[in-house]
Amino acid sequence: LSHSKALQALDDLRAPAKREPREQFSAAVPRTSVYERLSVSLNESLTNGPTAS
């Protein structure tokens, strides 16, 4: 998964829910989900710069 593809995936998930209400989305995604772990690792890679990977 490339850096830009990961960013696009996060943008798609963060975008105002077009397919379903935000409440349903939040309820469907546990706090310990893969999405959260992806967000953390992506934030770390953004902080460290694109050369971190």
PDB file of N, CA and C in Angstrom:
ATOM      1  N   LEU A   1       0.855  -1.200   0.000  1.00  0.00           N
ATOM      2  CA  LEU A   1       0.000   0.000   0.000  1.00  0.00           C
ATOM      3  C   LEU A   1       0.886   1.244   0.000  1.00  0.00           C
ATOM      4  N   SER A   2       0.795   2.004  -1.055  1.00  0.00           N
ATOM      5  CA  SER A   2       1.635   3.194  -1.166  1.00  0.00           C
ATOM      6  C   SER A   2       1.141   4.299  -0.250  1.00  0.00           C
ATOM      7  N   HIS A   3       2.020   5.277   0.008  1.00  0.00           N
ATOM      8  CA  HIS A   3       1.680   6.385   0.906  1.00  0.00           C
ATOM      9  C   HIS A   3       0.476   7.156   0.377  1.00  0.00           C
ATOM     10  N   SER A   4       0.471   7.458  -0.926  1.00  0.00           N
ATOM     11  CA  SER A   4      -0.624   8.234  -1.513  1.00  0.00           C
ATOM     12  C   SER A   4      -1.931   7.451  -1.486  1.00  0.00           C
ATOM     13  N   LYS A   5      -1.846   6.133  -1.695  1.00  0.00           N
ATOM     14  CA  LYS A   5      -3.058   5.318  -1.649  1.00  0.00           C
ATOM     15  C   LYS A   5      -3.613   5.277  -0.236  1.00  0.00           C
ATOM     16  N   ALA A   6      -2.724   5.221   0.762  1.00  0.00           N
ATOM     17  CA  ALA A   6      -3.165   5.228   2.154  1.00  0.00           C
ATOM     18  C   ALA A   6      -3.849   6.550   2.484  1.00  0.00           C
ATOM     19  N   LEU A   7      -3.269   7.648   2.020  1.00  0.00           N
ATOM     20  CA  LEU A   7      -3.879   8.959   2.247  1.00  0.00           C
ATOM     21  C   LEU A   7      -5.247   9.036   1.587  1.00  0.00           C
ATOM     22  N   GLN A   8      -5.361   8.517   0.361  1.00  0.00           N
ATOM     23  CA  GLN A   8      -6.642   8.542  -0.350  1.00  0.00           C
ATOM     24  C   GLN A   8      -7.674   7.719   0.398  1.00  0.00           C
ATOM     25  N   ALA A   9      -7.252   6.559   0.927  1.00  0.00           N
ATOM     26  CA  ALA A   9      -8.169   5.713   1.677  1.00  0.00           C
ATOM     27  C   ALA A   9      -8.670   6.439   2.918  1.00  0.00           C
ATOM     28  N   LEU A  10      -7.765   7.121   3.620  1.00  0.00           N
ATOM     29  CA  LEU A  10      -8.164   7.876   4.803  1.00  0.00           C
ATOM     30  C   LEU A  10      -9.091   9.023   4.427  1.00  0.00           C
ATOM     31  N   ASP A  11      -8.799   9.707   3.334  1.00  0.00           N
ATOM     32  CA  ASP A  11      -9.669  10.791   2.875  1.00  0.00           C
ATOM     33  C   ASP A  11     -11.067  10.264   2.587  1.00  0.00           C
ATOM     34  N   ASP A  12     -11.140   9.092   1.950  1.00  0.00           N
ATOM     35  CA  ASP A  12     -12.437   8.497   1.641  1.00  0.00           C
ATOM     36  C   ASP A  12     -13.211   8.196   2.918  1.00  0.00           C
ATOM     37  N   LEU A  13     -12.495   7.695   3.951  1.00  0.00           N
ATOM     38  CA  LEU A  13     -13.156   7.347   5.203  1.00  0.00           C
ATOM     39  C   LEU A  13     -13.542   8.588   6.000  1.00  0.00           C
ATOM     40  N   ARG A  14     -12.722   9.633   5.915  1.00  0.00           N
ATOM     41  CA  ARG A  14     -12.973  10.838   6.692  1.00  0.00           C
ATOM     42  C   ARG A  14     -14.011  11.752   6.044  1.00  0.00           C
ATOM     43  N   ALA A  15     -14.196  11.602   4.735  1.00  0.00           N
ATOM     44  CA  ALA A  15     -15.123  12.474   4.008  1.00  0.00           C
ATOM     45  C   ALA A  15     -16.516  12.380   4.624  1.00  0.00           C
ATOM     46  N   PRO A  16     -17.263  13.492   4.612  1.00  0.00           N
ATOM     47  CA  PRO A  16     -18.648  13.450   5.102  1.00  0.00           C
ATOM     48  C   PRO A  16     -19.368  12.279   4.452  1.00  0.00           C
ATOM     49  N   ALA A  17     -19.951  11.430   5.284  1.00  0.00           N
ATOM     50  CA  ALA A  17     -20.500  10.160   4.801  1.00  0.00           C
ATOM     51  C   ALA A  17     -21.480  10.364   3.658  1.00  0.00           C
ATOM     52  N   LYS A  18     -21.104   9.861   2.490  1.00  0.00           N
ATOM     53  CA  LYS A  18     -21.995   9.933   1.330  1.00  0.00           C
ATOM     54  C   LYS A  18     -22.844   8.669   1.251  1.00  0.00           C
ATOM     55  N   ARG A  19     -22.281   7.551   1.727  1.00  0.00           N
ATOM     56  CA  ARG A  19     -22.962   6.267   1.608  1.00  0.00           C
ATOM     57  C   ARG A  19     -23.842   5.965   2.818  1.00  0.00           C
ATOM     58  N   GLU A  20     -23.453   6.453   3.976  1.00  0.00           N
ATOM     59  CA  GLU A  20     -24.235   6.216   5.192  1.00  0.00           C
ATOM     60  C   GLU A  20     -23.915   7.298   6.215  1.00  0.00           C
ATOM     61  N   PRO A  21     -24.824   7.514   7.182  1.00  0.00           N
ATOM     62  CA  PRO A  21     -24.615   8.552   8.199  1.00  0.00           C
ATOM     63  C   PRO A  21     -23.339   8.309   8.992  1.00  0.00           C
ATOM     64  N   ARG A  22     -22.729   9.404   9.456  1.00  0.00           N
ATOM     65  CA  ARG A  22     -21.501   9.316  10.225  1.00  0.00           C
ATOM     66  C   ARG A  22     -21.698   8.478  11.490  1.00  0.00           C
ATOM     67  N   GLU A  23     -22.881   8.582  12.105  1.00  0.00           N
ATOM     68  CA  GLU A  23     -23.130   7.826  13.330  1.00  0.00           C
ATOM     69  C   GLU A  23     -23.041   6.325  13.058  1.00  0.00           C
ATOM     70  N   GLN A  24     -23.618   5.886  11.936  1.00  0.00           N
ATOM     71  CA  GLN A  24     -23.555   4.470  11.592  1.00  0.00           C
ATOM     72  C   GLN A  24     -22.116   4.049  11.343  1.00  0.00           C
ATOM     73  N   PHE A  25     -21.363   4.909  10.659  1.00  0.00           N
ATOM     74  CA  PHE A  25     -19.966   4.600  10.370  1.00  0.00           C
ATOM     75  C   PHE A  25     -19.178   4.468  11.663  1.00  0.00           C
ATOM     76  N   SER A  26     -19.360   5.424  12.579  1.00  0.00           N
ATOM     77  CA  SER A  26     -18.629   5.398  13.846  1.00  0.00           C
ATOM     78  C   SER A  26     -18.976   4.146  14.642  1.00  0.00           C
ATOM     79  N   ALA A  27     -20.252   3.779  14.631  1.00  0.00           N
ATOM     80  CA  ALA A  27     -20.688   2.603  15.378  1.00  0.00           C
ATOM     81  C   ALA A  27     -20.121   1.327  14.763  1.00  0.00           C
ATOM     82  N   ALA A  28     -19.893   1.362  13.459  1.00  0.00           N
ATOM     83  CA  ALA A  28     -19.422   0.172  12.758  1.00  0.00           C
ATOM     84  C   ALA A  28     -17.915  -0.025  12.906  1.00  0.00           C
ATOM     85  N   VAL A  29     -17.214   1.011  13.375  1.00  0.00           N
ATOM     86  CA  VAL A  29     -15.758   0.933  13.476  1.00  0.00           C
ATOM     87  C   VAL A  29     -15.308   1.011  14.934  1.00  0.00           C
ATOM     88  N   PRO A  30     -14.915  -0.128  15.503  1.00  0.00           N
ATOM     89  CA  PRO A  30     -14.427  -0.139  16.883  1.00  0.00           C
ATOM     90  C   PRO A  30     -13.207   0.757  17.043  1.00  0.00           C
ATOM     91  N   ARG A  31     -12.998   1.252  18.270  1.00  0.00           N
ATOM     92  CA  ARG A  31     -11.867   2.154  18.517  1.00  0.00           C
ATOM     93  C   ARG A  31     -10.532   1.451  18.284  1.00  0.00           C
ATOM     94  N   THR A  32     -10.513   0.143  18.413  1.00  0.00           N
ATOM     95  CA  THR A  32      -9.265  -0.605  18.236  1.00  0.00           C
ATOM     96  C   THR A  32      -9.189  -1.204  16.834  1.00  0.00           C
ATOM     97  N   SER A  33      -9.854  -0.557  15.887  1.00  0.00           N
ATOM     98  CA  SER A  33      -9.974  -1.107  14.543  1.00  0.00           C
ATOM     99  C   SER A  33      -8.686  -0.957  13.738  1.00  0.00           C
ATOM    100  N   VAL A  34      -8.638  -1.642  12.627  1.00  0.00           N
ATOM    101  CA  VAL A  34      -7.529  -1.512  11.683  1.00  0.00           C
ATOM    102  C   VAL A  34      -7.428  -0.071  11.209  1.00  0.00           C
ATOM    103  N   TYR A  35      -8.585   0.589  11.066  1.00  0.00           N
ATOM    104  CA  TYR A  35      -8.599   1.983  10.609  1.00  0.00           C
ATOM    105  C   TYR A  35      -7.817   2.873  11.561  1.00  0.00           C
ATOM    106  N   GLU A  36      -8.022   2.663  12.878  1.00  0.00           N
ATOM    107  CA  GLU A  36      -7.318   3.504  13.852  1.00  0.00           C
ATOM    108  C   GLU A  36      -5.820   3.225  13.816  1.00  0.00           C
ATOM    109  N   ARG A  37      -5.458   1.939  13.726  1.00  0.00           N
ATOM    110  CA  ARG A  37      -4.034   1.599  13.648  1.00  0.00           C
ATOM    111  C   ARG A  37      -3.414   2.180  12.386  1.00  0.00           C
ATOM    112  N   LEU A  38      -4.162   2.177  11.285  1.00  0.00           N
ATOM    113  CA  LEU A  38      -3.669   2.777  10.046  1.00  0.00           C
ATOM    114  C   LEU A  38      -3.479   4.274  10.233  1.00  0.00           C
ATOM    115  N   SER A  39      -4.428   4.914  10.913  1.00  0.00           N
ATOM    116  CA  SER A  39      -4.326   6.355  11.150  1.00  0.00           C
ATOM    117  C   SER A  39      -3.081   6.681  11.958  1.00  0.00           C
ATOM    118  N   VAL A  40      -2.826   5.893  12.998  1.00  0.00           N
ATOM    119  CA  VAL A  40      -1.660   6.128  13.852  1.00  0.00           C
ATOM    120  C   VAL A  40      -0.371   5.968  13.057  1.00  0.00           C
ATOM    121  N   SER A  41      -0.265   4.866  12.319  1.00  0.00           N
ATOM    122  CA  SER A  41       0.960   4.628  11.548  1.00  0.00           C
ATOM    123  C   SER A  41       1.120   5.667  10.447  1.00  0.00           C
ATOM    124  N   LEU A  42       0.007   6.103   9.867  1.00  0.00           N
ATOM    125  CA  LEU A  42       0.079   7.119   8.819  1.00  0.00           C
ATOM    126  C   LEU A  42       0.514   8.449   9.405  1.00  0.00           C
ATOM    127  N   ASN A  43      -0.021   8.806  10.568  1.00  0.00           N
ATOM    128  CA  ASN A  43       0.390  10.043  11.225  1.00  0.00           C
ATOM    129  C   ASN A  43       1.874  10.010  11.567  1.00  0.00           C
ATOM    130  N   GLU A  44       2.348   8.846  12.024  1.00  0.00           N
ATOM    131  CA  GLU A  44       3.767   8.709  12.342  1.00  0.00           C
ATOM    132  C   GLU A  44       4.615   8.882  11.087  1.00  0.00           C
ATOM    133  N   SER A  45       4.166   8.279   9.981  1.00  0.00           N
ATOM    134  CA  SER A  45       4.937   8.388   8.740  1.00  0.00           C
ATOM    135  C   SER A  45       4.922   9.820   8.217  1.00  0.00           C
ATOM    136  N   LEU A  46       3.805  10.526   8.421  1.00  0.00           N
ATOM    137  CA  LEU A  46       3.737  11.924   8.002  1.00  0.00           C
ATOM    138  C   LEU A  46       4.678  12.771   8.851  1.00  0.00           C
ATOM    139  N   THR A  47       4.733  12.459  10.154  1.00  0.00           N
ATOM    140  CA  THR A  47       5.608  13.206  11.054  1.00  0.00           C
ATOM    141  C   THR A  47       7.077  12.959  10.714  1.00  0.00           C
ATOM    142  N   ASN A  48       7.392  11.704  10.401  1.00  0.00           N
ATOM    143  CA  ASN A  48       8.775  11.340  10.100  1.00  0.00           C
ATOM    144  C   ASN A  48       9.173  11.683   8.674  1.00  0.00           C
ATOM    145  N   GLY A  49       8.209  11.981   7.837  1.00  0.00           N
ATOM    146  CA  GLY A  49       8.500  12.294   6.445  1.00  0.00           C
ATOM    147  C   GLY A  49       8.355  11.074   5.556  1.00  0.00           C
ATOM    148  N   PRO A  50       8.256  11.291   4.255  1.00  0.00           N
ATOM    149  CA  PRO A  50       8.015  10.203   3.302  1.00  0.00           C
ATOM    150  C   PRO A  50       9.155   9.193   3.228  1.00  0.00           C
ATOM    151  N   THR A  51      10.342   9.549   3.718  1.00  0.00           N
ATOM    152  CA  THR A  51      11.485   8.640   3.647  1.00  0.00           C
ATOM    153  C   THR A  51      11.473   7.628   4.789  1.00  0.00           C
ATOM    154  N   ALA A  52      10.520   7.760   5.718  1.00  0.00           N
ATOM    155  CA  ALA A  52      10.461   6.847   6.856  1.00  0.00           C
ATOM    156  C   ALA A  52      10.194   5.419   6.390  1.00  0.00           C
ATOM    157  N   SER A  53       9.433   5.271   5.319  1.00  0.00           N
ATOM    158  CA  SER A  53       9.127   3.950   4.816  1.00  0.00           C
ATOM    159  C   SER A  53      10.229   3.484   3.865  1.00  0.00           C
TER     160      SER A  53
END
